Amino acid sequence: MGGEDKSLEMRVDPRPGSIDESLGGIGRIIAVVSGKGGVGKSVISAVMALQLVRSGKRVGMLDLDFHSPCLHIILGAGGERPVEDRGLIPPVIRGVRLMSVVYFTGERALPLKGREISDALVEIMTVTRWGDLDFLIIDAPPGMGDELLDLVRLIRRAEFLIVTTPSPLAMSAVPKIRSVLSDAGGRILGVVLNMDRTGIHEGAYAGIIPFDSELERCIGDPERMMETMFSEALDKIVKSLTGA
């Protein structure tokens, strides 16, 4: 029995404890999630972070979309890289501390699946040294897989902001992802309806963002992006949800 107990002890993963330590200096952690891809989740994550920086907050951003990371593209990042110092210190892009798997893979695809994704998620969260922040914005992978459950499990104080569009397919995923989060004990901050073209919708939303045809042209140019109708609408939502 003693040998078995020792074997079990050796198999205990110490990394979750390191994650708690890494996140200890962060005020609020907001994970932006969606049941479907293509709803504008990453752009909302990036612009939300920029708006919080503009309001004087210390902000970090974590891109956990291992298959298609894009926050560095949205922010117009150059050749910045993390600094190794008892872990990895994220570079500052447009005032935001950004950590992304793209620093390790470049533009190559990362063919992970199942347990490999969970291990990669735990690893990047373990080695990242955020320091003191007011907000950490997490751009989560789309869908309701293990990554979402890992976030709830590993970051108990995370708040989850759900993004959808008026598309029937995207809307059908909202009650499902709400249910998954609630069953796992996740705290839901609200639902944001993005790319709205009508202004007429039933249901309680944390905010509604109208479709902005100019937004796509501003990707990679944060200054222009912050002047869009999209940014103006999101700014009101961010202030309402964060008080910033």
Foldseek 3Di string as FASTA:
>chain_A
DVVVVVVVVVPDDPLLVLLCVLCVQEAAEEEEEFADPDQCRLVLLLLLQLLCVVVPWQEEEEELAQQDGCNCQQLLHDPDAFDDDQFTEADAGNRYRYDYCCNVVPPDGDPDDDPRSLVVVSVNSNRYRHHHGHYYYYHHHYRLDPRVLSCCVSPVRYEYEYEAEPPPVRVVSVVVNVVSCVVSNHHYLFYEYEQDDPPDDDDDGLFYFHRWPCQVVCRSPSVVNCVTSRNVRSSVSSCVRPVD
